[in-house]
N, C-alpha and C. Protein backbone atom coordinates (compact mmCIF):
# COMPACT_ATOMS: atom_id res chain seq x y z
N MET A 1 -27.14 2.17 -25.36
CA MET A 1 -26.18 3.03 -26.01
C MET A 1 -24.79 2.45 -25.82
N ALA A 2 -24.00 2.52 -26.84
CA ALA A 2 -22.64 2.01 -26.78
C ALA A 2 -21.83 2.84 -25.79
N ASN A 3 -20.78 2.27 -25.26
CA ASN A 3 -19.91 2.98 -24.33
C ASN A 3 -18.74 3.55 -25.12
N TYR A 4 -18.82 4.82 -25.44
CA TYR A 4 -17.85 5.48 -26.28
C TYR A 4 -16.43 5.38 -25.72
N ILE A 5 -16.27 5.68 -24.44
CA ILE A 5 -14.93 5.68 -23.84
C ILE A 5 -14.32 4.28 -23.88
N ARG A 6 -15.09 3.27 -23.54
CA ARG A 6 -14.58 1.89 -23.58
C ARG A 6 -14.15 1.54 -25.01
N ASP A 7 -14.98 1.90 -25.99
CA ASP A 7 -14.66 1.59 -27.38
C ASP A 7 -13.40 2.30 -27.86
N ILE A 8 -13.23 3.57 -27.49
CA ILE A 8 -12.03 4.32 -27.87
C ILE A 8 -10.79 3.71 -27.20
N ARG A 9 -10.93 3.36 -25.94
CA ARG A 9 -9.78 2.80 -25.21
C ARG A 9 -9.32 1.48 -25.82
N LYS A 10 -10.24 0.70 -26.39
CA LYS A 10 -9.85 -0.53 -27.07
C LYS A 10 -8.93 -0.23 -28.25
N LEU A 11 -9.13 0.93 -28.86
CA LEU A 11 -8.34 1.31 -30.03
C LEU A 11 -7.02 1.98 -29.67
N VAL A 12 -7.03 2.82 -28.62
CA VAL A 12 -5.86 3.66 -28.35
C VAL A 12 -5.15 3.34 -27.04
N GLY A 13 -5.67 2.41 -26.27
CA GLY A 13 -5.03 2.08 -25.00
C GLY A 13 -5.02 3.26 -24.05
N ASN A 14 -3.86 3.53 -23.47
CA ASN A 14 -3.74 4.61 -22.48
C ASN A 14 -3.40 5.97 -23.07
N THR A 15 -3.27 6.05 -24.39
CA THR A 15 -2.94 7.31 -25.05
C THR A 15 -3.90 8.41 -24.59
N LYS A 16 -3.37 9.64 -24.43
CA LYS A 16 -4.21 10.76 -24.00
C LYS A 16 -5.28 11.05 -25.04
N ILE A 17 -6.52 11.16 -24.56
CA ILE A 17 -7.64 11.51 -25.42
C ILE A 17 -8.41 12.67 -24.80
N ILE A 18 -9.06 13.45 -25.65
CA ILE A 18 -9.91 14.54 -25.20
C ILE A 18 -11.29 13.97 -24.93
N LEU A 19 -11.81 14.26 -23.74
CA LEU A 19 -13.15 13.81 -23.37
C LEU A 19 -13.98 15.00 -22.94
N VAL A 20 -15.26 14.96 -23.27
CA VAL A 20 -16.20 16.01 -22.87
C VAL A 20 -16.98 15.49 -21.68
N VAL A 21 -16.98 16.29 -20.62
CA VAL A 21 -17.72 15.96 -19.40
C VAL A 21 -18.66 17.12 -19.11
N SER A 22 -19.83 16.79 -18.59
CA SER A 22 -20.83 17.81 -18.35
C SER A 22 -21.55 17.51 -17.05
N GLY A 23 -21.87 18.56 -16.30
CA GLY A 23 -22.57 18.38 -15.03
C GLY A 23 -23.41 19.58 -14.69
N ALA A 24 -24.09 19.49 -13.55
CA ALA A 24 -25.02 20.56 -13.18
C ALA A 24 -24.92 20.92 -11.71
N LEU A 25 -25.00 22.21 -11.47
CA LEU A 25 -25.20 22.77 -10.14
C LEU A 25 -26.71 22.92 -10.00
N VAL A 26 -27.33 21.97 -9.32
CA VAL A 26 -28.78 21.95 -9.16
C VAL A 26 -29.11 22.56 -7.81
N PHE A 27 -29.97 23.57 -7.82
CA PHE A 27 -30.36 24.27 -6.60
C PHE A 27 -31.84 24.05 -6.32
N ASP A 28 -32.16 23.84 -5.04
CA ASP A 28 -33.58 23.72 -4.66
C ASP A 28 -34.15 25.11 -4.36
N GLU A 29 -35.41 25.15 -3.95
CA GLU A 29 -36.08 26.43 -3.71
C GLU A 29 -35.48 27.22 -2.54
N GLN A 30 -34.73 26.58 -1.67
CA GLN A 30 -34.03 27.27 -0.58
C GLN A 30 -32.61 27.71 -0.98
N GLY A 31 -32.22 27.45 -2.23
CA GLY A 31 -30.89 27.82 -2.68
C GLY A 31 -29.81 26.84 -2.29
N ARG A 32 -30.20 25.66 -1.83
CA ARG A 32 -29.23 24.63 -1.45
C ARG A 32 -28.76 23.89 -2.70
N LEU A 33 -27.53 23.41 -2.66
CA LEU A 33 -26.88 22.74 -3.80
C LEU A 33 -27.00 21.23 -3.68
N LEU A 34 -27.40 20.58 -4.76
CA LEU A 34 -27.49 19.12 -4.81
C LEU A 34 -26.11 18.51 -5.02
N LEU A 35 -25.74 17.61 -4.13
CA LEU A 35 -24.50 16.86 -4.26
C LEU A 35 -24.79 15.38 -4.09
N HIS A 36 -23.93 14.56 -4.68
CA HIS A 36 -24.05 13.12 -4.48
C HIS A 36 -22.71 12.59 -4.01
N LYS A 37 -22.78 11.63 -3.09
CA LYS A 37 -21.57 10.98 -2.62
C LYS A 37 -21.27 9.87 -3.61
N ARG A 38 -20.19 10.04 -4.35
CA ARG A 38 -19.87 9.18 -5.47
C ARG A 38 -19.53 7.76 -5.02
N ALA A 39 -20.11 6.78 -5.69
CA ALA A 39 -19.85 5.37 -5.36
C ALA A 39 -18.43 4.96 -5.76
N ASP A 40 -17.82 5.65 -6.74
CA ASP A 40 -16.49 5.24 -7.20
C ASP A 40 -15.36 5.68 -6.29
N ASN A 41 -15.57 6.75 -5.50
CA ASN A 41 -14.45 7.23 -4.68
C ASN A 41 -14.86 7.79 -3.31
N GLY A 42 -16.16 7.87 -3.03
CA GLY A 42 -16.62 8.33 -1.72
C GLY A 42 -16.61 9.83 -1.51
N PHE A 43 -16.21 10.60 -2.52
CA PHE A 43 -16.23 12.05 -2.42
C PHE A 43 -17.61 12.59 -2.80
N TRP A 44 -17.96 13.75 -2.25
CA TRP A 44 -19.17 14.47 -2.63
C TRP A 44 -18.88 15.32 -3.85
N GLY A 45 -19.77 15.30 -4.84
CA GLY A 45 -19.58 16.11 -6.04
C GLY A 45 -20.89 16.45 -6.69
N ILE A 46 -20.79 17.31 -7.68
CA ILE A 46 -21.99 17.63 -8.46
C ILE A 46 -22.25 16.47 -9.41
N PRO A 47 -23.50 16.20 -9.70
CA PRO A 47 -23.78 15.12 -10.65
C PRO A 47 -23.35 15.51 -12.06
N GLY A 48 -22.83 14.52 -12.78
CA GLY A 48 -22.40 14.75 -14.15
C GLY A 48 -21.58 13.57 -14.63
N GLY A 49 -21.15 13.66 -15.87
CA GLY A 49 -20.35 12.58 -16.41
C GLY A 49 -19.99 12.83 -17.86
N TYR A 50 -19.47 11.78 -18.49
CA TYR A 50 -18.92 11.89 -19.83
C TYR A 50 -19.99 11.77 -20.91
N MET A 51 -19.76 12.54 -21.96
CA MET A 51 -20.65 12.57 -23.12
C MET A 51 -20.53 11.27 -23.91
N GLU A 52 -21.66 10.82 -24.41
CA GLU A 52 -21.71 9.69 -25.35
C GLU A 52 -21.91 10.25 -26.76
N LEU A 53 -21.58 9.46 -27.76
CA LEU A 53 -21.76 9.88 -29.15
C LEU A 53 -23.21 10.28 -29.41
N GLY A 54 -23.38 11.35 -30.16
CA GLY A 54 -24.71 11.79 -30.56
C GLY A 54 -25.40 12.69 -29.57
N GLU A 55 -24.81 12.90 -28.40
CA GLU A 55 -25.44 13.75 -27.39
C GLU A 55 -24.95 15.20 -27.51
N THR A 56 -25.80 16.13 -27.10
CA THR A 56 -25.37 17.50 -26.85
C THR A 56 -24.89 17.55 -25.41
N VAL A 57 -24.20 18.63 -25.04
CA VAL A 57 -23.76 18.73 -23.65
C VAL A 57 -24.95 18.84 -22.71
N GLN A 58 -26.03 19.46 -23.18
CA GLN A 58 -27.24 19.54 -22.34
C GLN A 58 -27.86 18.16 -22.15
N GLU A 59 -27.90 17.36 -23.20
CA GLU A 59 -28.43 16.00 -23.08
C GLU A 59 -27.56 15.16 -22.15
N THR A 60 -26.25 15.32 -22.25
CA THR A 60 -25.34 14.60 -21.35
C THR A 60 -25.64 14.98 -19.91
N THR A 61 -25.78 16.26 -19.65
CA THR A 61 -26.06 16.74 -18.30
C THR A 61 -27.36 16.14 -17.78
N ARG A 62 -28.40 16.21 -18.58
CA ARG A 62 -29.71 15.69 -18.14
C ARG A 62 -29.64 14.17 -17.88
N ARG A 63 -28.98 13.43 -18.77
CA ARG A 63 -28.89 11.98 -18.61
C ARG A 63 -28.10 11.63 -17.34
N GLU A 64 -26.96 12.26 -17.17
CA GLU A 64 -26.11 11.96 -16.02
C GLU A 64 -26.79 12.32 -14.70
N VAL A 65 -27.44 13.48 -14.65
CA VAL A 65 -28.13 13.87 -13.42
C VAL A 65 -29.25 12.88 -13.12
N TRP A 66 -29.99 12.47 -14.13
CA TRP A 66 -31.06 11.49 -13.91
C TRP A 66 -30.48 10.16 -13.41
N GLU A 67 -29.40 9.68 -14.06
CA GLU A 67 -28.81 8.41 -13.65
C GLU A 67 -28.30 8.45 -12.21
N GLU A 68 -27.76 9.59 -11.81
CA GLU A 68 -27.12 9.69 -10.50
C GLU A 68 -28.05 10.14 -9.38
N THR A 69 -29.19 10.78 -9.73
CA THR A 69 -30.06 11.33 -8.69
C THR A 69 -31.53 11.00 -8.83
N GLY A 70 -31.98 10.62 -10.03
CA GLY A 70 -33.40 10.38 -10.27
C GLY A 70 -34.17 11.62 -10.66
N LEU A 71 -33.51 12.77 -10.77
CA LEU A 71 -34.19 14.01 -11.13
C LEU A 71 -34.12 14.27 -12.63
N HIS A 72 -35.19 14.84 -13.17
CA HIS A 72 -35.26 15.27 -14.57
C HIS A 72 -35.09 16.78 -14.59
N LEU A 73 -34.07 17.25 -15.31
CA LEU A 73 -33.77 18.68 -15.35
C LEU A 73 -34.57 19.39 -16.42
N GLY A 74 -34.97 20.62 -16.10
CA GLY A 74 -35.62 21.50 -17.06
C GLY A 74 -34.60 22.46 -17.63
N GLN A 75 -34.86 23.77 -17.48
CA GLN A 75 -34.01 24.82 -18.03
C GLN A 75 -32.60 24.76 -17.45
N LEU A 76 -31.62 24.74 -18.35
CA LEU A 76 -30.20 24.76 -17.97
C LEU A 76 -29.60 26.10 -18.39
N THR A 77 -28.75 26.65 -17.53
CA THR A 77 -28.04 27.89 -17.83
C THR A 77 -26.55 27.62 -17.71
N LEU A 78 -25.79 28.04 -18.72
CA LEU A 78 -24.35 27.78 -18.70
C LEU A 78 -23.69 28.53 -17.54
N PHE A 79 -22.97 27.80 -16.70
CA PHE A 79 -22.21 28.37 -15.60
C PHE A 79 -20.74 28.53 -15.99
N ALA A 80 -20.14 27.48 -16.58
CA ALA A 80 -18.72 27.54 -16.89
C ALA A 80 -18.33 26.48 -17.92
N VAL A 81 -17.21 26.77 -18.60
CA VAL A 81 -16.53 25.81 -19.47
C VAL A 81 -15.07 25.80 -19.03
N TYR A 82 -14.55 24.61 -18.76
CA TYR A 82 -13.18 24.44 -18.29
C TYR A 82 -12.42 23.59 -19.30
N SER A 83 -11.21 24.03 -19.67
CA SER A 83 -10.37 23.26 -20.58
C SER A 83 -8.92 23.70 -20.38
N GLY A 84 -8.01 22.95 -20.96
CA GLY A 84 -6.60 23.30 -20.89
C GLY A 84 -5.80 22.32 -20.05
N ALA A 85 -4.52 22.60 -19.93
CA ALA A 85 -3.58 21.68 -19.27
C ALA A 85 -3.97 21.38 -17.83
N GLU A 86 -4.59 22.33 -17.15
CA GLU A 86 -5.00 22.12 -15.75
C GLU A 86 -5.99 20.96 -15.61
N TYR A 87 -6.69 20.62 -16.68
CA TYR A 87 -7.73 19.59 -16.64
C TYR A 87 -7.30 18.30 -17.33
N GLU A 88 -5.98 18.13 -17.49
CA GLU A 88 -5.42 16.90 -18.03
C GLU A 88 -4.90 16.04 -16.88
N GLY A 89 -4.88 14.74 -17.10
CA GLY A 89 -4.36 13.88 -16.05
C GLY A 89 -4.32 12.43 -16.46
N THR A 90 -3.91 11.61 -15.52
CA THR A 90 -3.84 10.16 -15.72
C THR A 90 -4.63 9.50 -14.60
N LEU A 91 -5.53 8.62 -14.97
CA LEU A 91 -6.34 7.90 -14.00
C LEU A 91 -5.53 6.77 -13.36
N PRO A 92 -5.98 6.25 -12.22
CA PRO A 92 -5.25 5.14 -11.58
C PRO A 92 -5.03 3.94 -12.50
N ASN A 93 -5.92 3.74 -13.49
CA ASN A 93 -5.76 2.61 -14.39
C ASN A 93 -4.79 2.89 -15.55
N GLY A 94 -4.18 4.09 -15.55
CA GLY A 94 -3.22 4.44 -16.59
C GLY A 94 -3.80 5.21 -17.76
N HIS A 95 -5.10 5.34 -17.85
CA HIS A 95 -5.71 6.08 -18.94
C HIS A 95 -5.41 7.57 -18.80
N GLN A 96 -4.86 8.15 -19.86
CA GLN A 96 -4.58 9.59 -19.89
C GLN A 96 -5.74 10.32 -20.55
N LEU A 97 -6.05 11.51 -20.00
CA LEU A 97 -7.18 12.25 -20.56
C LEU A 97 -6.96 13.74 -20.45
N ALA A 98 -7.67 14.44 -21.31
CA ALA A 98 -7.75 15.89 -21.30
C ALA A 98 -9.24 16.22 -21.32
N ASN A 99 -9.74 16.73 -20.20
CA ASN A 99 -11.17 17.02 -20.09
C ASN A 99 -11.52 18.40 -20.61
N VAL A 100 -12.65 18.47 -21.28
CA VAL A 100 -13.34 19.73 -21.56
C VAL A 100 -14.64 19.60 -20.79
N MET A 101 -14.82 20.48 -19.79
CA MET A 101 -15.94 20.32 -18.86
C MET A 101 -16.92 21.48 -18.99
N PHE A 102 -18.19 21.13 -19.18
CA PHE A 102 -19.28 22.10 -19.21
C PHE A 102 -20.07 21.94 -17.92
N VAL A 103 -20.34 23.06 -17.26
CA VAL A 103 -21.14 23.04 -16.04
C VAL A 103 -22.31 24.00 -16.21
N PHE A 104 -23.49 23.51 -15.91
CA PHE A 104 -24.71 24.30 -16.01
C PHE A 104 -25.29 24.52 -14.62
N THR A 105 -26.12 25.53 -14.47
CA THR A 105 -26.94 25.68 -13.28
C THR A 105 -28.36 25.31 -13.65
N CYS A 106 -29.10 24.82 -12.65
CA CYS A 106 -30.49 24.43 -12.88
C CYS A 106 -31.28 24.61 -11.59
N ARG A 107 -32.42 25.26 -11.73
CA ARG A 107 -33.35 25.42 -10.61
C ARG A 107 -34.71 24.83 -10.96
N ASP A 108 -34.78 24.22 -12.11
CA ASP A 108 -36.02 23.70 -12.66
C ASP A 108 -35.87 22.18 -12.86
N TYR A 109 -36.49 21.42 -11.99
CA TYR A 109 -36.36 19.97 -12.09
C TYR A 109 -37.64 19.31 -11.56
N SER A 110 -37.78 18.02 -11.89
CA SER A 110 -38.92 17.24 -11.42
C SER A 110 -38.43 15.83 -11.11
N GLY A 111 -39.29 15.05 -10.50
CA GLY A 111 -38.95 13.68 -10.18
C GLY A 111 -38.68 13.50 -8.71
N GLU A 112 -38.42 12.27 -8.35
CA GLU A 112 -38.14 11.89 -6.97
C GLU A 112 -36.64 11.75 -6.76
N LEU A 113 -36.11 12.48 -5.80
CA LEU A 113 -34.71 12.35 -5.46
C LEU A 113 -34.48 10.96 -4.86
N GLN A 114 -33.57 10.20 -5.47
CA GLN A 114 -33.26 8.86 -4.99
C GLN A 114 -32.32 8.95 -3.80
N LYS A 115 -32.41 8.02 -2.89
CA LYS A 115 -31.50 8.00 -1.75
C LYS A 115 -30.16 7.38 -2.15
N VAL A 116 -30.20 6.36 -3.00
CA VAL A 116 -29.01 5.66 -3.45
C VAL A 116 -29.24 5.24 -4.90
N THR A 117 -28.20 5.34 -5.72
CA THR A 117 -28.26 4.82 -7.10
C THR A 117 -27.00 4.00 -7.33
N GLU A 118 -26.88 3.45 -8.50
CA GLU A 118 -25.69 2.66 -8.85
C GLU A 118 -24.41 3.51 -8.74
N GLU A 119 -24.54 4.82 -9.02
CA GLU A 119 -23.37 5.70 -9.04
C GLU A 119 -23.26 6.59 -7.80
N SER A 120 -24.27 6.55 -6.92
CA SER A 120 -24.31 7.46 -5.78
C SER A 120 -24.62 6.71 -4.49
N MET A 121 -23.77 6.92 -3.48
CA MET A 121 -23.98 6.29 -2.18
C MET A 121 -24.98 7.08 -1.33
N GLU A 122 -25.07 8.37 -1.58
CA GLU A 122 -25.99 9.26 -0.86
C GLU A 122 -26.20 10.49 -1.72
N ILE A 123 -27.40 11.08 -1.64
CA ILE A 123 -27.74 12.24 -2.45
C ILE A 123 -28.54 13.20 -1.57
N ARG A 124 -28.08 14.47 -1.52
CA ARG A 124 -28.86 15.44 -0.77
C ARG A 124 -28.46 16.87 -1.11
N PHE A 125 -29.30 17.80 -0.69
CA PHE A 125 -29.06 19.22 -0.88
C PHE A 125 -28.33 19.78 0.33
N PHE A 126 -27.36 20.68 0.08
CA PHE A 126 -26.57 21.31 1.13
C PHE A 126 -26.64 22.82 1.00
N PRO A 127 -26.72 23.54 2.13
CA PRO A 127 -26.55 25.00 2.07
C PRO A 127 -25.14 25.30 1.56
N LEU A 128 -24.98 26.37 0.79
CA LEU A 128 -23.67 26.69 0.23
C LEU A 128 -22.63 26.97 1.31
N ASP A 129 -23.07 27.43 2.47
CA ASP A 129 -22.12 27.71 3.54
C ASP A 129 -21.87 26.50 4.43
N ALA A 130 -22.41 25.34 4.05
CA ALA A 130 -22.22 24.13 4.85
C ALA A 130 -21.99 22.91 3.96
N LEU A 131 -21.17 23.08 2.93
CA LEU A 131 -20.85 21.95 2.05
C LEU A 131 -19.97 20.96 2.80
N PRO A 132 -20.03 19.68 2.46
CA PRO A 132 -19.19 18.69 3.15
C PRO A 132 -17.71 18.96 2.92
N ASP A 133 -16.89 18.46 3.83
CA ASP A 133 -15.44 18.66 3.74
C ASP A 133 -14.81 17.84 2.62
N ASN A 134 -15.34 16.65 2.38
CA ASN A 134 -14.71 15.75 1.40
C ASN A 134 -15.31 15.92 0.01
N LEU A 135 -15.12 17.14 -0.57
CA LEU A 135 -15.58 17.42 -1.92
C LEU A 135 -14.64 16.79 -2.94
N PHE A 136 -15.19 16.35 -4.05
CA PHE A 136 -14.43 15.69 -5.11
C PHE A 136 -13.33 16.63 -5.62
N PRO A 137 -12.05 16.26 -5.47
CA PRO A 137 -10.95 17.13 -5.90
C PRO A 137 -11.01 17.49 -7.39
N GLY A 138 -11.53 16.60 -8.21
CA GLY A 138 -11.63 16.87 -9.65
C GLY A 138 -12.64 17.95 -10.00
N GLN A 139 -13.40 18.40 -9.01
CA GLN A 139 -14.36 19.49 -9.23
C GLN A 139 -14.04 20.70 -8.35
N SER A 140 -12.85 20.74 -7.78
CA SER A 140 -12.50 21.85 -6.87
C SER A 140 -12.61 23.21 -7.57
N HIS A 141 -12.28 23.27 -8.85
CA HIS A 141 -12.39 24.51 -9.60
C HIS A 141 -13.84 24.99 -9.70
N VAL A 142 -14.78 24.06 -9.79
CA VAL A 142 -16.20 24.41 -9.87
C VAL A 142 -16.65 25.02 -8.54
N PHE A 143 -16.30 24.37 -7.44
CA PHE A 143 -16.68 24.88 -6.12
C PHE A 143 -16.00 26.22 -5.85
N ARG A 144 -14.75 26.37 -6.25
CA ARG A 144 -14.03 27.64 -6.09
C ARG A 144 -14.77 28.75 -6.84
N ASP A 145 -15.13 28.50 -8.09
CA ASP A 145 -15.80 29.52 -8.89
C ASP A 145 -17.21 29.81 -8.38
N LEU A 146 -17.90 28.78 -7.90
CA LEU A 146 -19.24 28.98 -7.35
C LEU A 146 -19.19 29.91 -6.14
N ARG A 147 -18.20 29.70 -5.29
CA ARG A 147 -18.07 30.51 -4.07
C ARG A 147 -17.52 31.91 -4.36
N SER A 148 -16.86 32.09 -5.51
CA SER A 148 -16.19 33.36 -5.82
C SER A 148 -17.16 34.47 -6.19
N GLY A 149 -18.34 34.11 -6.66
CA GLY A 149 -19.28 35.13 -7.12
C GLY A 149 -18.95 35.67 -8.49
N LYS A 150 -18.04 35.01 -9.22
CA LYS A 150 -17.71 35.44 -10.59
C LYS A 150 -18.97 35.45 -11.45
N GLN A 151 -18.98 36.33 -12.42
CA GLN A 151 -20.09 36.42 -13.36
C GLN A 151 -20.05 35.23 -14.33
N ALA A 152 -21.15 34.53 -14.45
CA ALA A 152 -21.25 33.40 -15.40
C ALA A 152 -21.67 33.93 -16.76
N PRO A 153 -21.27 33.27 -17.84
CA PRO A 153 -20.50 32.04 -17.84
C PRO A 153 -19.00 32.31 -17.67
N ILE A 154 -18.38 31.41 -16.97
CA ILE A 154 -16.94 31.44 -16.73
C ILE A 154 -16.29 30.57 -17.80
N ILE A 155 -15.32 31.12 -18.49
CA ILE A 155 -14.59 30.35 -19.49
C ILE A 155 -13.14 30.27 -19.01
N SER A 156 -12.72 29.06 -18.69
CA SER A 156 -11.39 28.89 -18.10
C SER A 156 -10.63 27.81 -18.85
């Protein structure tokens, strides 16, 4: 599959673009949350990533979770949609972006959890009351809303 973001950046450089990102709060049978220690920055976060052309947000979520953890997701339930100025920024390489983020919950999955992948230094389930301290700052709103007990879906 072509790399949509790379191709767009060739055309527009660092100009701000809207990107769709999708991820999943995957829970095991004990209610623990799946997190991966990201290879790009060393923070723990939920698996997910950017949409490619032709994908639905559900397909993006399933592809990204599989790439980062080795798990195949079943039923997805919408947890939240995040958009607006709070989710805009500039990456260290100068690329400006405005994210529209979809987050799903999933308790239905199959496959073997990988210990390490190209995108993940470590992958494991954590009790919600014992999440690691170094959570990915770009997902702080997701963790805040998860802990808040707000009724899903959250539209922010």
